[in-house]
Amino acid sequence: MKNYDYLIIGSNGLLGSNIVKVLKKKKSKYFTVARKSSDFNLDLKKYKKLEKLFKKNTFNIVVNCAAIIDIDYCEENFNEALIINSYLVKFLSQMSKKFKFKLVQISTDHVYKGVKFKRNSEKSKLFAINKYAKTKIISETYIKKLKKYLIIRTNFTGNKTNTFFNWLLDSAKKKKAINLFNDMYTSTIDVRTCAIILLDLCSLNSKGIFNIGTRDFISKEEFAVRILNKLKKNFNYKSISCDIQKTPRGKNLGLNIKKIEKKIGYKMPTSEKVINNLIRDLQ
């Protein structure tokens, strides 16, 4: 029987891999689970095999970063999305009760219904505008039954395949004309900062629901334009409504971060700081 501070599920994803980097610097004892290149390689659709891991090891905190996040894919493959985004979380909740670890679930800002020009607090109304949001809302219902849990509602990006930031860089490099949404507002944070804040929250023995995002919120269009201008990239884009998308998205996803700032004792970054962080991490 080995003892670990953390178990990171989905350790090869954007957030999971950044959490691992921070834990390495902290010299924490951690164990990773992913489809490949992890301490315990597993197809997470067969998540019940994880019980063997819990029987042979003890973990203080389990962070679940695993998810199908492609919104259109979730819309077309709802049952598959449920297996990873919802039923895996239900299973981990059962394991949390049985093996006495704190479960940290990475949720999303997409769960909020949103009111124009208002930030969403942790108590704001939830609304499943699409099936991806529905899977995440379902997952939260399982977690909330636990005594020890954290739900992190966030929107992050970084330089990895299939991220918004990577798509921007790739489009500019290829001189590809792009569409940018002028009516979708978020509090997007860089993934490295998100990982640091999440682990700070864990170290304070926090529980409940917390938003992690920037102190302000801006449109996806403004976010993209400011990044590309700072990088001095030539780019061609069209300003459009997100209503053009095949699958509906929430438009007003700005996050109220007062609760987390009070808990951890420092300020969340501004969008400008996040953009500078993203550019710095390219170097």
Protein backbone atom coordinates (compact mmCIF):
# COMPACT_ATOMS: atom_id res chain seq x y z
CA MET A 1 0.00 0.00 0.00
CA LYS A 2 1.47 3.35 -1.11
CA ASN A 3 0.32 6.78 0.01
CA TYR A 4 -0.01 9.71 -2.40
CA ASP A 5 -1.00 13.33 -2.00
CA TYR A 6 -2.76 13.43 -5.38
CA LEU A 7 -4.22 11.21 -8.07
CA ILE A 8 -4.59 13.05 -11.40
CA ILE A 9 -7.09 11.45 -13.78
CA GLY A 10 -6.72 12.67 -17.36
CA SER A 11 -3.09 13.62 -16.73
CA ASN A 12 -2.20 14.03 -20.42
CA GLY A 13 -4.84 16.65 -21.13
CA LEU A 14 -4.21 20.39 -21.11
CA LEU A 15 -5.10 21.00 -17.46
CA GLY A 16 -3.98 17.60 -16.15
CA SER A 17 -0.51 17.94 -17.63
CA ASN A 18 -0.12 21.43 -16.17
CA ILE A 19 -1.22 20.24 -12.73
CA VAL A 20 1.47 17.55 -12.96
CA LYS A 21 4.11 20.19 -13.80
CA VAL A 22 3.15 22.24 -10.73
CA LEU A 23 3.15 19.15 -8.49
CA LYS A 24 6.64 18.25 -9.70
CA LYS A 25 7.90 21.68 -8.67
CA LYS A 26 6.20 21.33 -5.29
CA LYS A 27 7.75 17.84 -4.92
CA SER A 28 4.34 16.43 -4.04
CA LYS A 29 3.68 12.72 -4.20
CA TYR A 30 1.29 12.10 -7.08
CA PHE A 31 0.07 9.32 -9.35
CA THR A 32 -1.33 9.72 -12.87
CA VAL A 33 -4.03 8.00 -14.91
CA ALA A 34 -4.54 8.46 -18.66
CA ARG A 35 -5.03 6.42 -21.80
CA LYS A 36 -1.25 6.25 -22.31
CA SER A 37 2.06 7.60 -20.97
CA SER A 38 0.85 7.61 -17.36
CA ASP A 39 1.46 5.62 -14.18
CA PHE A 40 -1.74 3.67 -14.82
CA ASN A 41 -2.76 3.50 -18.48
CA LEU A 42 -6.49 3.02 -18.89
CA ASP A 43 -9.30 3.55 -21.37
CA LEU A 44 -11.49 5.68 -19.12
CA LYS A 45 -14.62 4.22 -20.68
CA LYS A 46 -13.62 1.17 -18.60
CA TYR A 47 -13.33 3.27 -15.48
CA LYS A 48 -14.43 0.53 -13.07
CA LYS A 49 -10.91 -0.89 -13.35
CA LEU A 50 -9.84 2.11 -11.29
CA GLU A 51 -11.16 0.39 -8.17
CA LYS A 52 -8.08 -1.87 -8.19
CA LEU A 53 -5.96 1.27 -7.97
CA PHE A 54 -7.87 2.54 -4.95
CA LYS A 55 -7.57 -0.83 -3.19
CA LYS A 56 -3.78 -0.87 -3.59
CA ASN A 57 -3.02 2.82 -2.86
CA THR A 58 -4.29 5.69 -0.77
CA PHE A 59 -4.84 9.20 -2.13
CA ASN A 60 -5.63 12.34 -0.18
CA ILE A 61 -7.05 14.18 -3.19
CA VAL A 62 -8.29 12.88 -6.56
CA VAL A 63 -8.49 15.47 -9.33
CA ASN A 64 -10.67 14.44 -12.27
CA CYS A 65 -9.59 16.31 -15.41
CA ALA A 66 -10.94 13.67 -17.80
CA ALA A 67 -13.70 14.88 -20.12
CA ILE A 68 -14.98 14.95 -23.68
CA ILE A 69 -15.02 18.69 -24.31
CA ASP A 70 -15.80 18.88 -28.04
CA ILE A 71 -19.25 20.45 -27.89
CA ASP A 72 -20.40 19.30 -31.33
CA TYR A 73 -19.13 15.77 -30.64
CA CYS A 74 -21.06 15.64 -27.37
CA GLU A 75 -24.20 16.76 -29.19
CA GLU A 76 -23.89 13.93 -31.71
CA ASN A 77 -22.56 11.28 -29.31
CA PHE A 78 -24.46 12.01 -26.13
CA ASN A 79 -24.33 8.49 -24.68
CA GLU A 80 -20.56 8.34 -25.09
CA ALA A 81 -20.20 11.80 -23.54
CA LEU A 82 -22.28 10.67 -20.57
CA ILE A 83 -19.92 7.75 -19.90
CA ILE A 84 -16.89 10.02 -19.43
CA ASN A 85 -18.41 13.34 -18.37
CA SER A 86 -21.09 12.03 -16.01
CA TYR A 87 -20.93 8.32 -15.15
CA LEU A 88 -17.19 8.34 -14.47
CA VAL A 89 -17.85 11.12 -11.95
CA LYS A 90 -20.64 9.09 -10.36
CA PHE A 91 -18.22 6.18 -9.95
CA LEU A 92 -15.49 8.41 -8.51
CA SER A 93 -18.03 9.82 -6.04
CA GLN A 94 -18.77 6.26 -4.89
CA MET A 95 -15.03 5.58 -4.56
CA SER A 96 -14.62 8.81 -2.58
CA LYS A 97 -17.11 7.60 -0.01
CA LYS A 98 -15.53 4.15 0.14
CA PHE A 99 -11.86 5.14 0.24
CA LYS A 100 -12.16 8.51 2.04
CA PHE A 101 -10.46 10.86 -0.45
CA LYS A 102 -11.50 14.36 -1.47
CA LEU A 103 -12.78 14.48 -5.04
CA VAL A 104 -12.04 17.52 -7.20
CA GLN A 105 -14.16 17.75 -10.34
CA ILE A 106 -13.28 20.09 -13.20
CA SER A 107 -16.52 21.53 -14.49
CA THR A 108 -17.08 24.39 -16.94
CA ASP A 109 -18.48 27.89 -17.33
CA HIS A 110 -20.86 26.42 -19.94
CA VAL A 111 -23.16 25.26 -17.13
CA TYR A 112 -24.33 28.84 -16.48
CA LYS A 113 -27.48 30.27 -18.01
CA GLY A 114 -25.90 33.73 -17.97
CA VAL A 115 -27.36 37.22 -17.93
CA LYS A 116 -26.02 39.86 -20.30
CA PHE A 117 -23.20 41.98 -18.83
CA LYS A 118 -23.43 40.22 -15.45
CA ARG A 119 -20.84 37.88 -13.95
CA ASN A 120 -21.98 34.40 -12.93
CA SER A 121 -21.46 33.57 -9.26
CA GLU A 122 -21.32 30.05 -7.90
CA LYS A 123 -25.00 30.46 -6.96
CA SER A 124 -26.12 31.63 -10.41
CA LYS A 125 -28.75 29.68 -12.32
CA LEU A 126 -27.57 26.66 -14.30
CA PHE A 127 -28.92 25.79 -17.72
CA ALA A 128 -28.08 22.98 -20.15
CA ILE A 129 -27.96 24.95 -23.39
CA ASN A 130 -26.35 21.94 -25.09
CA LYS A 131 -25.60 18.29 -24.30
CA TYR A 132 -22.03 19.02 -23.20
CA ALA A 133 -23.38 21.38 -20.53
CA LYS A 134 -25.97 18.76 -19.59
CA THR A 135 -23.30 16.11 -18.95
CA LYS A 136 -21.41 18.53 -16.72
CA ILE A 137 -24.50 19.54 -14.75
CA ILE A 138 -25.36 15.87 -14.22
CA SER A 139 -21.82 15.19 -12.99
CA GLU A 140 -22.11 17.98 -10.42
CA THR A 141 -25.24 16.41 -8.92
CA TYR A 142 -23.22 13.31 -7.98
CA ILE A 143 -20.38 15.32 -6.44
CA LYS A 144 -22.64 17.51 -4.31
CA LYS A 145 -23.75 14.47 -2.33
CA LEU A 146 -20.24 14.11 -0.87
CA LYS A 147 -18.97 15.66 2.36
CA LYS A 148 -15.52 16.38 0.89
CA TYR A 149 -15.51 17.77 -2.64
CA LEU A 150 -14.47 20.62 -4.88
CA ILE A 151 -16.21 21.64 -8.10
CA ILE A 152 -14.16 24.00 -10.27
CA ARG A 153 -16.11 25.96 -12.88
CA THR A 154 -13.66 27.48 -15.30
CA ASN A 155 -12.64 28.26 -18.87
CA PHE A 156 -8.94 27.87 -19.67
CA THR A 157 -6.72 27.74 -22.73
CA GLY A 158 -3.09 27.13 -23.60
CA ASN A 159 -0.71 26.09 -26.33
CA LYS A 160 -1.83 22.54 -27.00
CA THR A 161 -3.62 20.88 -29.92
CA ASN A 162 -7.38 21.59 -30.12
CA THR A 163 -7.30 24.64 -27.86
CA PHE A 164 -8.60 28.10 -28.77
CA PHE A 165 -5.14 29.61 -28.33
CA ASN A 166 -3.46 26.99 -30.52
CA TRP A 167 -6.16 27.42 -33.18
CA LEU A 168 -5.47 31.16 -33.24
CA LEU A 169 -1.73 30.69 -33.64
CA ASP A 170 -2.16 28.06 -36.33
CA SER A 171 -4.67 30.17 -38.28
CA ALA A 172 -2.34 33.19 -38.20
CA LYS A 173 0.63 31.08 -39.29
CA LYS A 174 -1.32 29.68 -42.25
CA LYS A 175 -2.78 33.13 -43.02
CA LYS A 176 -6.22 31.58 -42.76
CA ALA A 177 -9.29 33.81 -42.50
CA ILE A 178 -11.21 33.12 -39.29
CA ASN A 179 -14.54 33.91 -37.66
CA LEU A 180 -14.48 35.50 -34.20
CA PHE A 181 -17.50 35.78 -31.93
CA ASN A 182 -18.45 39.31 -30.94
CA ASP A 183 -21.28 38.28 -28.60
CA MET A 184 -19.76 35.47 -26.52
CA TYR A 185 -18.19 36.75 -23.29
CA THR A 186 -15.89 34.68 -21.07
CA SER A 187 -13.36 35.00 -18.25
CA THR A 188 -10.83 32.71 -19.94
CA ILE A 189 -7.67 32.04 -17.92
CA ASP A 190 -4.32 30.59 -19.00
CA VAL A 191 -4.03 26.94 -18.03
CA ARG A 192 -0.79 27.25 -16.03
CA THR A 193 -2.33 29.86 -13.73
CA CYS A 194 -5.50 27.76 -13.46
CA ALA A 195 -3.45 24.76 -12.30
CA ILE A 196 -1.61 26.85 -9.68
CA ILE A 197 -4.83 28.34 -8.30
CA LEU A 198 -6.55 24.96 -8.19
CA LEU A 199 -3.71 23.43 -6.15
CA ASP A 200 -3.61 26.45 -3.84
CA LEU A 201 -7.31 25.90 -3.25
CA CYS A 202 -6.69 22.22 -2.46
CA SER A 203 -3.89 23.06 -0.02
CA LEU A 204 -6.33 25.23 1.97
CA ASN A 205 -8.64 22.26 2.50
CA SER A 206 -11.34 24.08 0.54
CA LYS A 207 -14.69 22.50 -0.26
CA GLY A 208 -17.69 23.41 -2.35
CA ILE A 209 -17.96 25.20 -5.69
CA PHE A 210 -15.47 27.79 -6.94
CA ASN A 211 -15.15 29.79 -10.15
CA ILE A 212 -11.62 30.15 -11.52
CA GLY A 213 -11.25 32.86 -14.15
CA THR A 214 -10.14 36.41 -14.83
CA ARG A 215 -11.27 39.46 -12.86
CA ASP A 216 -12.93 40.83 -16.01
CA PHE A 217 -14.73 39.29 -18.97
CA ILE A 218 -14.34 40.10 -22.64
CA SER A 219 -15.66 38.77 -25.95
CA LYS A 220 -13.91 35.92 -27.71
CA GLU A 221 -13.26 38.38 -30.53
CA GLU A 222 -11.50 40.91 -28.29
CA PHE A 223 -9.50 38.17 -26.58
CA ALA A 224 -8.25 36.84 -29.92
CA VAL A 225 -7.50 40.23 -31.46
CA ARG A 226 -5.50 41.35 -28.43
CA ILE A 227 -3.42 38.16 -28.53
CA LEU A 228 -2.62 38.41 -32.23
CA ASN A 229 -1.87 42.13 -32.03
CA LYS A 230 0.58 41.55 -29.18
CA LEU A 231 2.26 38.85 -31.22
CA LYS A 232 2.33 41.28 -34.20
CA LYS A 233 0.64 38.70 -36.39
CA ASN A 234 -1.07 39.63 -39.63
CA PHE A 235 -4.53 38.10 -39.61
CA ASN A 236 -7.86 38.31 -41.37
CA TYR A 237 -11.08 37.77 -39.48
CA LYS A 238 -14.80 38.32 -39.64
CA SER A 239 -16.74 39.56 -36.61
CA ILE A 240 -19.83 37.38 -36.22
CA SER A 241 -22.39 36.12 -33.72
CA CYS A 242 -21.86 32.74 -32.05
CA ASP A 243 -25.43 31.95 -33.16
CA ILE A 244 -23.89 30.74 -36.41
CA GLN A 245 -22.70 27.58 -34.67
CA LYS A 246 -24.47 24.29 -35.30
CA THR A 247 -24.68 23.57 -31.58
CA PRO A 248 -25.84 26.45 -29.35
CA ARG A 249 -23.38 27.98 -26.88
CA GLY A 250 -23.88 30.18 -23.88
CA LYS A 251 -23.10 33.82 -24.60
CA ASN A 252 -22.73 35.35 -21.15
CA LEU A 253 -20.17 33.20 -19.36
CA GLY A 254 -18.23 35.81 -17.39
CA LEU A 255 -17.27 34.59 -13.92
CA ASN A 256 -17.65 36.27 -10.54
CA ILE A 257 -14.41 35.40 -8.70
CA LYS A 258 -15.01 37.12 -5.34
CA LYS A 259 -15.46 33.82 -3.49
CA ILE A 260 -12.16 32.31 -4.58
CA GLU A 261 -10.22 35.55 -4.07
CA LYS A 262 -11.48 35.67 -0.48
CA LYS A 263 -10.53 32.02 0.07
CA ILE A 264 -7.00 32.05 -1.33
CA GLY A 265 -6.13 35.61 -0.32
CA TYR A 266 -4.93 37.01 -3.63
CA LYS A 267 -6.42 38.51 -6.79
CA MET A 268 -7.29 36.66 -9.96
CA PRO A 269 -5.45 37.88 -13.08
CA THR A 270 -6.97 40.28 -15.59
CA SER A 271 -7.49 39.26 -19.21
CA GLU A 272 -4.45 41.37 -20.09
CA LYS A 273 -2.31 39.39 -17.63
CA VAL A 274 -3.63 36.12 -19.00
CA ILE A 275 -2.75 37.15 -22.55
CA ASN A 276 0.77 38.07 -21.42
CA ASN A 277 1.08 34.71 -19.67
CA LEU A 278 0.02 32.82 -22.80
CA ILE A 279 2.55 34.69 -24.92
CA ARG A 280 5.31 34.24 -22.33
CA ASP A 281 4.73 30.48 -22.24
CA LEU A 282 5.42 30.34 -25.99
CA GLN A 283 9.04 31.34 -25.35
